C-alpha atoms as a PDB file:
ATOM      1  CA  MET A   1      55.101-168.171 -84.912  1.00  0.00           C
ATOM      2  CA  MET A   2      52.940-170.846 -86.474  1.00  0.00           C
ATOM      3  CA  ALA A   3      52.056-168.728 -89.508  1.00  0.00           C
ATOM      4  CA  PRO A   4      55.037-169.740 -91.740  1.00  0.00           C
ATOM      5  CA  ALA A   5      54.393-173.452 -91.182  1.00  0.00           C
ATOM      6  CA  LEU A   6      50.650-173.062 -91.767  1.00  0.00           C
ATOM      7  CA  ILE A   7      51.237-171.044 -94.949  1.00  0.00           C
ATOM      8  CA  TRP A   8      53.673-173.687 -96.196  1.00  0.00           C
ATOM      9  CA  PHE A   9      51.096-176.453 -95.656  1.00  0.00           C
ATOM     10  CA  VAL A  10      48.339-174.473 -97.371  1.00  0.00           C
ATOM     11  CA  VAL A  11      50.484-173.593-100.412  1.00  0.00           C
ATOM     12  CA  TYR A  12      52.310-176.887-100.912  1.00  0.00           C
ATOM     13  CA  ARG A  13      49.959-179.475 -99.403  1.00  0.00           C
ATOM     14  CA  TYR A  14      46.373-178.295 -99.715  1.00  0.00           C
ATOM     15  CA  ALA A  15      46.307-175.974-102.730  1.00  0.00           C
ATOM     16  CA  PRO A  16      47.695-178.669-105.119  1.00  0.00           C
ATOM     17  CA  MET A  17      44.740-180.906-104.190  1.00  0.00           C
ATOM     18  CA  ALA A  18      42.644-178.840-106.609  1.00  0.00           C
ATOM     19  CA  GLY A  19      44.631-180.421-109.422  1.00  0.00           C
ATOM     20  CA  LEU A  20      43.209-183.863-108.563  1.00  0.00           C
ATOM     21  CA  VAL A  21      40.247-182.938-110.725  1.00  0.00           C
ATOM     22  CA  ILE A  22      42.267-184.093-113.758  1.00  0.00           C
ATOM     23  CA  ALA A  23      41.802-187.676-112.487  1.00  0.00           C
ATOM     24  CA  PHE A  24      38.158-187.284-113.588  1.00  0.00           C
ATOM     25  CA  LYS A  25      38.911-185.542-116.896  1.00  0.00           C
ATOM     26  CA  ASP A  26      40.410-186.393-120.273  1.00  0.00           C
ATOM     27  CA  TYR A  27      43.169-183.939-119.540  1.00  0.00           C
ATOM     28  CA  ASN A  28      44.696-182.112-122.478  1.00  0.00           C
ATOM     29  CA  LEU A  29      47.872-180.161-121.815  1.00  0.00           C
ATOM     30  CA  GLY A  30      46.943-177.541-124.430  1.00  0.00           C
ATOM     31  CA  LEU A  31      43.424-176.975-123.123  1.00  0.00           C
ATOM     32  CA  GLY A  32      44.369-176.830-119.449  1.00  0.00           C
ATOM     33  CA  ILE A  33      42.562-178.228-116.437  1.00  0.00           C
ATOM     34  CA  MET A  34      39.358-176.203-116.629  1.00  0.00           C
ATOM     35  CA  ASP A  35      38.723-176.577-120.361  1.00  0.00           C
ATOM     36  CA  SER A  36      39.581-180.274-120.651  1.00  0.00           C
ATOM     37  CA  PRO A  37      36.477-182.469-121.119  1.00  0.00           C
ATOM     38  CA  TRP A  38      35.191-184.689-118.309  1.00  0.00           C
ATOM     39  CA  ALA A  39      35.933-188.389-118.579  1.00  0.00           C
ATOM     40  CA  ASP A  40      33.044-190.671-119.506  1.00  0.00           C
ATOM     41  CA  PRO A  41      32.394-192.410-117.182  1.00  0.00           C
ATOM     42  CA  TRP A  42      33.935-190.358-114.376  1.00  0.00           C
ATOM     43  CA  PHE A  43      35.840-193.381-112.985  1.00  0.00           C
ATOM     44  CA  LYS A  44      37.337-194.199-116.401  1.00  0.00           C
ATOM     45  CA  TYR A  45      40.981-193.950-115.338  1.00  0.00           C
ATOM     46  CA  PHE A  46      40.451-195.694-112.008  1.00  0.00           C
ATOM     47  CA  ARG A  47      38.947-198.631-113.878  1.00  0.00           C
ATOM     48  CA  GLN A  48      41.752-198.508-116.441  1.00  0.00           C
ATOM     49  CA  PHE A  49      44.341-198.907-113.695  1.00  0.00           C
ATOM     50  CA  TYR A  50      42.346-201.644-111.954  1.00  0.00           C
ATOM     51  CA  GLU A  51      41.997-203.632-115.187  1.00  0.00           C
ATOM     52  CA  SER A  52      45.614-203.161-116.247  1.00  0.00           C
ATOM     53  CA  PRO A  53      47.979-206.157-115.980  1.00  0.00           C
ATOM     54  CA  TYR A  54      50.209-204.091-113.696  1.00  0.00           C
ATOM     55  CA  PHE A  55      47.656-203.561-110.912  1.00  0.00           C
ATOM     56  CA  GLY A  56      48.372-206.665-108.852  1.00  0.00           C
ATOM     57  CA  GLN A  57      52.112-206.559-109.463  1.00  0.00           C
ATOM     58  CA  LEU A  58      52.442-202.911-108.415  1.00  0.00           C
ATOM     59  CA  LEU A  59      50.388-203.343-105.245  1.00  0.00           C
ATOM     60  CA  THR A  60      52.296-206.484-104.287  1.00  0.00           C
ATOM     61  CA  ASN A  61      55.712-204.908-104.873  1.00  0.00           C
ATOM     62  CA  THR A  62      54.798-201.710-103.030  1.00  0.00           C
ATOM     63  CA  ALA A  63      53.278-203.495-100.026  1.00  0.00           C
ATOM     64  CA  LEU A  64      56.074-206.058 -99.681  1.00  0.00           C
ATOM     65  CA  ILE A  65      58.906-203.541 -99.950  1.00  0.00           C
ATOM     66  CA  SER A  66      57.165-201.225 -97.459  1.00  0.00           C
ATOM     67  CA  VAL A  67      56.506-204.004 -94.929  1.00  0.00           C
ATOM     68  CA  TYR A  68      60.094-205.228 -95.201  1.00  0.00           C
ATOM     69  CA  LYS A  69      61.381-201.688 -94.683  1.00  0.00           C
ATOM     70  CA  ILE A  70      59.115-201.110 -91.672  1.00  0.00           C
ATOM     71  CA  PHE A  71      60.221-204.326 -89.965  1.00  0.00           C
ATOM     72  CA  TRP A  72      63.929-204.101 -90.758  1.00  0.00           C
ATOM     73  CA  GLY A  73      63.887-200.382 -90.053  1.00  0.00           C
ATOM     74  CA  THR A  74      62.374-200.856 -86.594  1.00  0.00           C
ATOM     75  CA  VAL A  75      63.820-203.983 -84.971  1.00  0.00           C
ATOM     76  CA  PRO A  76      67.536-203.285 -85.655  1.00  0.00           C
ATOM     77  CA  SER A  77      67.094-199.651 -84.557  1.00  0.00           C
ATOM     78  CA  ILE A  78      65.559-200.742 -81.245  1.00  0.00           C
ATOM     79  CA  PHE A  79      68.349-203.306 -80.775  1.00  0.00           C
ATOM     80  CA  LEU A  80      71.046-200.680 -81.427  1.00  0.00           C
ATOM     81  CA  ALA A  81      69.308-198.238 -79.062  1.00  0.00           C
ATOM     82  CA  LEU A  82      69.300-200.919 -76.351  1.00  0.00           C
ATOM     83  CA  LEU A  83      73.028-201.515 -76.858  1.00  0.00           C
ATOM     84  CA  LEU A  84      73.724-197.791 -76.599  1.00  0.00           C
ATOM     85  CA  TYR A  85      71.530-197.454 -73.521  1.00  0.00           C
ATOM     86  CA  GLU A  86      73.273-200.323 -71.748  1.00  0.00           C
ATOM     87  CA  CYS A  87      76.754-199.128 -72.739  1.00  0.00           C
ATOM     88  CA  ARG A  88      78.568-197.543 -69.799  1.00  0.00           C
ATOM     89  CA  LEU A  89      81.451-196.126 -71.869  1.00  0.00           C
ATOM     90  CA  THR A  90      80.310-192.624 -72.826  1.00  0.00           C
ATOM     91  CA  TRP A  91      82.983-192.111 -75.491  1.00  0.00           C
ATOM     92  CA  MET A  92      82.101-195.382 -77.227  1.00  0.00           C
ATOM     93  CA  ARG A  93      78.386-194.559 -77.156  1.00  0.00           C
ATOM     94  CA  ARG A  94      79.024-191.173 -78.779  1.00  0.00           C
ATOM     95  CA  TRP A  95      81.259-192.625 -81.483  1.00  0.00           C
ATOM     96  CA  VAL A  96      78.758-195.369 -82.347  1.00  0.00           C
ATOM     97  CA  GLN A  97      75.900-192.856 -82.432  1.00  0.00           C
ATOM     98  CA  THR A  98      77.840-190.549 -84.741  1.00  0.00           C
ATOM     99  CA  LEU A  99      79.030-193.261 -87.126  1.00  0.00           C
ATOM    100  CA  SER A 100      75.610-194.950 -87.346  1.00  0.00           C
ATOM    101  CA  TYR A 101      73.822-191.614 -87.846  1.00  0.00           C
ATOM    102  CA  MET A 102      76.078-190.259 -90.635  1.00  0.00           C
ATOM    103  CA  PRO A 103      74.557-192.324 -93.521  1.00  0.00           C
ATOM    104  CA  HIS A 104      71.192-190.640 -92.858  1.00  0.00           C
ATOM    105  CA  PHE A 105      72.538-187.463 -94.490  1.00  0.00           C
ATOM    106  CA  LEU A 106      73.712-189.198 -97.685  1.00  0.00           C
ATOM    107  CA  SER A 107      71.578-189.004-100.828  1.00  0.00           C
ATOM    108  CA  TRP A 108      70.366-192.179-102.491  1.00  0.00           C
ATOM    109  CA  VAL A 109      72.588-191.423-105.473  1.00  0.00           C
ATOM    110  CA  ILE A 110      75.674-191.597-103.254  1.00  0.00           C
ATOM    111  CA  ILE A 111      74.389-194.741-101.550  1.00  0.00           C
ATOM    112  CA  PHE A 112      73.813-196.337-104.955  1.00  0.00           C
ATOM    113  CA  GLY A 113      77.429-195.570-105.828  1.00  0.00           C
ATOM    114  CA  ILE A 114      78.550-197.253-102.601  1.00  0.00           C
ATOM    115  CA  ALA A 115      76.306-200.254-103.284  1.00  0.00           C
ATOM    116  CA  LEU A 116      77.679-200.493-106.809  1.00  0.00           C
ATOM    117  CA  ALA A 117      81.237-200.505-105.473  1.00  0.00           C
ATOM    118  CA  PHE A 118      80.369-203.474-103.268  1.00  0.00           C
ATOM    119  CA  LEU A 119      77.833-205.374-105.394  1.00  0.00           C
ATOM    120  CA  SER A 120      78.915-204.854-109.012  1.00  0.00           C
ATOM    121  CA  PRO A 121      79.216-208.268-110.757  1.00  0.00           C
ATOM    122  CA  SER A 122      82.580-207.404-112.293  1.00  0.00           C
ATOM    123  CA  THR A 123      84.354-205.046-109.874  1.00  0.00           C
ATOM    124  CA  GLY A 124      82.330-205.228-106.638  1.00  0.00           C
ATOM    125  CA  LEU A 125      84.191-206.170-103.468  1.00  0.00           C
ATOM    126  CA  VAL A 126      81.516-208.668-102.398  1.00  0.00           C
ATOM    127  CA  ASN A 127      81.538-210.433-105.756  1.00  0.00           C
ATOM    128  CA  ARG A 128      85.316-210.569-105.764  1.00  0.00           C
ATOM    129  CA  TRP A 129      85.169-212.387-102.447  1.00  0.00           C
ATOM    130  CA  LEU A 130      82.383-214.696-103.670  1.00  0.00           C
ATOM    131  CA  ASP A 131      84.338-215.421-106.837  1.00  0.00           C
ATOM    132  CA  GLY A 132      87.359-216.272-104.703  1.00  0.00           C
ATOM    133  CA  VAL A 133      85.415-218.978-102.851  1.00  0.00           C
ATOM    134  CA  ASP A 134      83.670-220.217-106.039  1.00  0.00           C
ATOM    135  CA  LEU A 135      80.238-218.857-105.072  1.00  0.00           C
ATOM    136  CA  GLY A 136      79.864-215.993-107.518  1.00  0.00           C
ATOM    137  CA  PRO A 137      79.632-213.592-109.056  1.00  0.00           C
ATOM    138  CA  ILE A 138      76.003-212.651-108.308  1.00  0.00           C
ATOM    139  CA  ALA A 139      74.202-209.824-110.121  1.00  0.00           C
ATOM    140  CA  PHE A 140      72.660-208.345-106.969  1.00  0.00           C
ATOM    141  CA  LEU A 141      71.413-205.132-108.630  1.00  0.00           C
ATOM    142  CA  THR A 142      69.847-206.796-111.680  1.00  0.00           C
ATOM    143  CA  SER A 143      68.600-210.052-110.164  1.00  0.00           C
ATOM    144  CA  THR A 144      64.910-210.425-109.288  1.00  0.00           C
ATOM    145  CA  ASP A 145      65.961-212.768-106.472  1.00  0.00           C
ATOM    146  CA  TRP A 146      68.198-210.213-104.742  1.00  0.00           C
ATOM    147  CA  PHE A 147      66.872-206.762-105.652  1.00  0.00           C
ATOM    148  CA  ARG A 148      64.366-206.411-102.785  1.00  0.00           C
ATOM    149  CA  SER A 149      67.028-207.540-100.314  1.00  0.00           C
ATOM    150  CA  VAL A 150      69.370-204.854-101.654  1.00  0.00           C
ATOM    151  CA  LEU A 151      66.651-202.205-101.259  1.00  0.00           C
ATOM    152  CA  VAL A 152      65.810-203.218 -97.706  1.00  0.00           C
ATOM    153  CA  GLY A 153      69.459-203.615 -96.712  1.00  0.00           C
ATOM    154  CA  THR A 154      70.502-200.178 -97.967  1.00  0.00           C
ATOM    155  CA  ASP A 155      67.437-198.565 -96.375  1.00  0.00           C
ATOM    156  CA  MET A 156      68.220-200.228 -93.035  1.00  0.00           C
ATOM    157  CA  TRP A 157      71.865-199.101 -93.205  1.00  0.00           C
ATOM    158  CA  LYS A 158      70.906-195.514 -94.075  1.00  0.00           C
ATOM    159  CA  ASP A 159      68.325-194.991 -91.317  1.00  0.00           C
ATOM    160  CA  LEU A 160      69.640-197.320 -88.599  1.00  0.00           C
ATOM    161  CA  GLY A 161      71.267-194.521 -86.604  1.00  0.00           C
ATOM    162  CA  TRP A 162      68.340-192.133 -87.034  1.00  0.00           C
ATOM    163  CA  GLY A 163      65.853-194.631 -85.615  1.00  0.00           C
ATOM    164  CA  ALA A 164      68.210-195.621 -82.822  1.00  0.00           C
ATOM    165  CA  ILE A 165      68.529-191.999 -81.675  1.00  0.00           C
ATOM    166  CA  ILE A 166      64.737-191.672 -81.402  1.00  0.00           C
ATOM    167  CA  TYR A 167      64.385-194.848 -79.341  1.00  0.00           C
ATOM    168  CA  PHE A 168      67.459-193.995 -77.260  1.00  0.00           C
ATOM    169  CA  ALA A 169      65.968-190.592 -76.406  1.00  0.00           C
ATOM    170  CA  ALA A 170      62.759-192.319 -75.300  1.00  0.00           C
ATOM    171  CA  MET A 171      64.763-194.694 -73.100  1.00  0.00           C
ATOM    172  CA  MET A 172      66.535-191.779 -71.425  1.00  0.00           C
ATOM    173  CA  GLY A 173      63.125-190.513 -70.289  1.00  0.00           C
ATOM    174  CA  ILE A 174      62.314-193.669 -68.305  1.00  0.00           C
ATOM    175  CA  ASP A 175      62.233-193.126 -64.538  1.00  0.00           C
ATOM    176  CA  GLN A 176      65.407-194.641 -63.050  1.00  0.00           C
ATOM    177  CA  GLU A 177      63.529-195.606 -59.884  1.00  0.00           C
ATOM    178  CA  HIS A 178      61.983-198.495 -61.811  1.00  0.00           C
ATOM    179  CA  TYR A 179      65.427-199.957 -62.475  1.00  0.00           C
ATOM    180  CA  GLU A 180      66.477-199.463 -58.846  1.00  0.00           C
ATOM    181  CA  ALA A 181      63.375-201.303 -57.647  1.00  0.00           C
ATOM    182  CA  ALA A 182      64.011-204.092 -60.174  1.00  0.00           C
ATOM    183  CA  ARG A 183      67.609-204.511 -59.018  1.00  0.00           C
ATOM    184  CA  VAL A 184      66.449-204.687 -55.384  1.00  0.00           C
ATOM    185  CA  ASP A 185      64.088-207.502 -56.409  1.00  0.00           C
ATOM    186  CA  GLY A 186      67.000-209.334 -58.054  1.00  0.00           C
ATOM    187  CA  ALA A 187      66.183-208.639 -61.725  1.00  0.00           C
ATOM    188  CA  GLY A 188      69.131-208.930 -64.099  1.00  0.00           C
ATOM    189  CA  ARG A 189      69.895-206.808 -67.171  1.00  0.00           C
ATOM    190  CA  LEU A 190      67.765-208.865 -69.556  1.00  0.00           C
ATOM    191  CA  ARG A 191      64.732-208.829 -67.263  1.00  0.00           C
ATOM    192  CA  GLN A 192      65.088-205.081 -66.774  1.00  0.00           C
ATOM    193  CA  ILE A 193      65.146-204.610 -70.547  1.00  0.00           C
ATOM    194  CA  TRP A 194      62.119-206.857 -71.067  1.00  0.00           C
ATOM    195  CA  HIS A 195      59.952-205.552 -68.220  1.00  0.00           C
ATOM    196  CA  ILE A 196      61.020-201.888 -67.971  1.00  0.00           C
ATOM    197  CA  THR A 197      62.897-200.567 -71.018  1.00  0.00           C
ATOM    198  CA  LEU A 198      60.751-202.013 -73.804  1.00  0.00           C
ATOM    199  CA  PRO A 199      57.399-201.199 -72.110  1.00  0.00           C
ATOM    200  CA  GLY A 200      58.789-197.724 -71.384  1.00  0.00           C
ATOM    201  CA  ILE A 201      59.235-196.969 -75.102  1.00  0.00           C
ATOM    202  CA  ARG A 202      56.083-198.754 -76.238  1.00  0.00           C
ATOM    203  CA  SER A 203      54.237-195.508 -76.953  1.00  0.00           C
ATOM    204  CA  VAL A 204      57.089-194.278 -79.173  1.00  0.00           C
ATOM    205  CA  ILE A 205      57.172-197.580 -81.077  1.00  0.00           C
ATOM    206  CA  ILE A 206      53.414-197.403 -81.671  1.00  0.00           C
ATOM    207  CA  LEU A 207      53.569-193.755 -82.731  1.00  0.00           C
ATOM    208  CA  LEU A 208      56.310-194.405 -85.300  1.00  0.00           C
ATOM    209  CA  PHE A 209      54.444-197.480 -86.524  1.00  0.00           C
ATOM    210  CA  VAL A 210      51.284-195.431 -87.067  1.00  0.00           C
ATOM    211  CA  LEU A 211      53.234-192.812 -89.012  1.00  0.00           C
ATOM    212  CA  LYS A 212      54.917-195.461 -91.173  1.00  0.00           C
ATOM    213  CA  LEU A 213      51.705-197.391 -91.760  1.00  0.00           C
ATOM    214  CA  GLY A 214      50.143-194.365 -93.435  1.00  0.00           C
ATOM    215  CA  GLN A 215      53.023-194.386 -95.926  1.00  0.00           C
ATOM    216  CA  ILE A 216      52.919-198.112 -96.634  1.00  0.00           C
ATOM    217  CA  LEU A 217      52.088-197.426-100.293  1.00  0.00           C
ATOM    218  CA  GLU A 218      55.034-195.043-100.660  1.00  0.00           C
ATOM    219  CA  ALA A 219      57.904-197.578-100.434  1.00  0.00           C
ATOM    220  CA  GLY A 220      60.430-194.807-101.096  1.00  0.00           C
ATOM    221  CA  PHE A 221      60.170-193.434-104.640  1.00  0.00           C
ATOM    222  CA  GLU A 222      63.645-191.867-104.791  1.00  0.00           C
ATOM    223  CA  HIS A 223      65.285-194.972-103.355  1.00  0.00           C
ATOM    224  CA  VAL A 224      63.641-197.357-105.820  1.00  0.00           C
ATOM    225  CA  TYR A 225      63.986-195.004-108.800  1.00  0.00           C
ATOM    226  CA  VAL A 226      67.737-194.656-108.294  1.00  0.00           C
ATOM    227  CA  PHE A 227      68.338-198.389-107.813  1.00  0.00           C
ATOM    228  CA  TYR A 228      65.949-200.103-110.189  1.00  0.00           C
ATOM    229  CA  ASN A 229      66.222-200.965-113.892  1.00  0.00           C
ATOM    230  CA  PRO A 230      63.958-202.713-116.450  1.00  0.00           C
ATOM    231  CA  GLN A 231      65.369-206.123-115.499  1.00  0.00           C
ATOM    232  CA  VAL A 232      63.922-205.915-111.983  1.00  0.00           C
ATOM    233  CA  TYR A 233      60.557-204.328-112.833  1.00  0.00           C
ATOM    234  CA  PRO A 234      58.678-207.554-111.863  1.00  0.00           C
ATOM    235  CA  VAL A 235      59.867-207.252-108.227  1.00  0.00           C
ATOM    236  CA  GLY A 236      60.961-203.618-107.922  1.00  0.00           C
ATOM    237  CA  ASP A 237      58.448-201.496-109.818  1.00  0.00           C
ATOM    238  CA  ILE A 238      56.190-199.726-107.307  1.00  0.00           C
ATOM    239  CA  ILE A 239      53.167-197.470-107.684  1.00  0.00           C
ATOM    240  CA  ASP A 240      55.162-194.217-107.523  1.00  0.00           C
ATOM    241  CA  THR A 241      57.725-195.231-110.150  1.00  0.00           C
ATOM    242  CA  TRP A 242      54.952-196.454-112.458  1.00  0.00           C
ATOM    243  CA  VAL A 243      53.035-193.191-111.962  1.00  0.00           C
ATOM    244  CA  PHE A 244      56.214-191.230-112.747  1.00  0.00           C
ATOM    245  CA  ARG A 245      56.741-193.084-116.028  1.00  0.00           C
ATOM    246  CA  THR A 246      53.055-192.920-116.958  1.00  0.00           C
ATOM    247  CA  GLY A 247      52.517-189.272-116.036  1.00  0.00           C
ATOM    248  CA  LEU A 248      55.769-187.515-116.917  1.00  0.00           C
ATOM    249  CA  GLU A 249      57.314-189.797-119.536  1.00  0.00           C
ATOM    250  CA  ASP A 250      54.140-190.949-121.335  1.00  0.00           C
ATOM    251  CA  LEU A 251      52.254-187.685-120.562  1.00  0.00           C
ATOM    252  CA  ASN A 252      49.162-189.579-119.397  1.00  0.00           C
ATOM    253  CA  PHE A 253      48.410-187.138-116.591  1.00  0.00           C
ATOM    254  CA  SER A 254      44.829-188.239-115.946  1.00  0.00           C
ATOM    255  CA  LEU A 255      45.768-191.863-115.327  1.00  0.00           C
ATOM    256  CA  ALA A 256      48.728-190.855-113.153  1.00  0.00           C
ATOM    257  CA  ALA A 257      46.524-188.529-111.070  1.00  0.00           C
ATOM    258  CA  ALA A 258      43.880-191.239-110.644  1.00  0.00           C
ATOM    259  CA  VAL A 259      46.458-193.743-109.396  1.00  0.00           C
ATOM    260  CA  GLY A 260      47.985-191.154-107.057  1.00  0.00           C
ATOM    261  CA  MET A 261      44.543-190.341-105.640  1.00  0.00           C
ATOM    262  CA  PHE A 262      43.800-194.042-105.183  1.00  0.00           C
ATOM    263  CA  LYS A 263      47.055-194.461-103.246  1.00  0.00           C
ATOM    264  CA  SER A 264      46.314-191.441-101.032  1.00  0.00           C
ATOM    265  CA  VAL A 265      42.832-192.666-100.113  1.00  0.00           C
ATOM    266  CA  ILE A 266      44.192-196.095 -99.168  1.00  0.00           C
ATOM    267  CA  GLY A 267      46.939-194.439 -97.104  1.00  0.00           C
ATOM    268  CA  LEU A 268      44.389-192.297 -95.238  1.00  0.00           C
ATOM    269  CA  GLY A 269      42.342-195.372 -94.435  1.00  0.00           C
ATOM    270  CA  LEU A 270      45.407-197.184 -93.095  1.00  0.00           C
ATOM    271  CA  VAL A 271      46.288-194.246 -90.835  1.00  0.00           C
ATOM    272  CA  LEU A 272      42.760-194.152 -89.367  1.00  0.00           C
ATOM    273  CA  ILE A 273      42.777-197.917 -88.780  1.00  0.00           C
ATOM    274  CA  ALA A 274      46.236-197.869 -87.176  1.00  0.00           C
ATOM    275  CA  ASN A 275      45.269-194.937 -84.957  1.00  0.00           C
ATOM    276  CA  ARG A 276      42.177-196.759 -83.722  1.00  0.00           C
ATOM    277  CA  LEU A 277      44.202-199.896 -82.988  1.00  0.00           C
ATOM    278  CA  ALA A 278      46.834-197.816 -81.182  1.00  0.00           C
ATOM    279  CA  ARG A 279      44.175-196.239 -78.959  1.00  0.00           C
ATOM    280  CA  ARG A 280      42.849-199.639 -77.928  1.00  0.00           C
ATOM    281  CA  TRP A 281      46.307-201.087 -77.305  1.00  0.00           C
ATOM    282  CA  ASP A 282      48.078-198.245 -75.570  1.00  0.00           C
ATOM    283  CA  GLY A 283      45.217-196.088 -74.356  1.00  0.00           C
ATOM    284  CA  GLN A 284      46.740-192.892 -75.763  1.00  0.00           C
ATOM    285  CA  LEU A 285      45.227-190.345 -78.131  1.00  0.00           C
ATOM    286  CA  TRP A 286      47.271-188.810 -80.943  1.00  0.00           C
END
């Protein structure tokens, strides 16, 4: 039963790692990987990326957007899960779950169309309202002051219901005897949430944090690529979008592979660090 999944990982995850050798070669598309000459020195393209004027900007943009997404993708989801857990009207809980979960299935292209309908400087509903109260219009999608907020806001809206379902499922697994004992001792709803519900889902929060921390240099390639434009490169260009332009548009495959390998090594280190911290904090092994 595990064979299909294992075969998929070997074919699509491990076998392509052999192609990372082009990060250490002056790759020529006509010569192929094996016949392309080795770079001199071997870290030529790693140094080229480090010395480029884009290095600091790309790392800053990627890290900031990822951290914002992790925070605003976690706290609102936990808050919504708490509201659903405390709701005693079953029909309302189901409707809210369904409506909040639906955006998770939409592609970023569709979400960009929705954002454009609301945030367009000329025809957007938000800018029409701002113009009516003499506060606009504001070029949300092309402004360096607003672009990161748009990215984080649309990401939070898309995955709010998905995260809430995970935390809500963890809450449903908490032993109800704890709440009964708390009520006997006179604890109100807020104290029950603080001392029972949140500690009860702590392991799930830590697990999801560890998984997200390993992808902190991802920042969502498809999301950013669909939304960004040259005007917001200073605040919106991340490592993956830069690698895409460098590797596939400029055909500099060696530099793109070197940057991708650099990002993967950093991500692996972050996962190991987060896992060690999680063991010390929660006492669980994953």
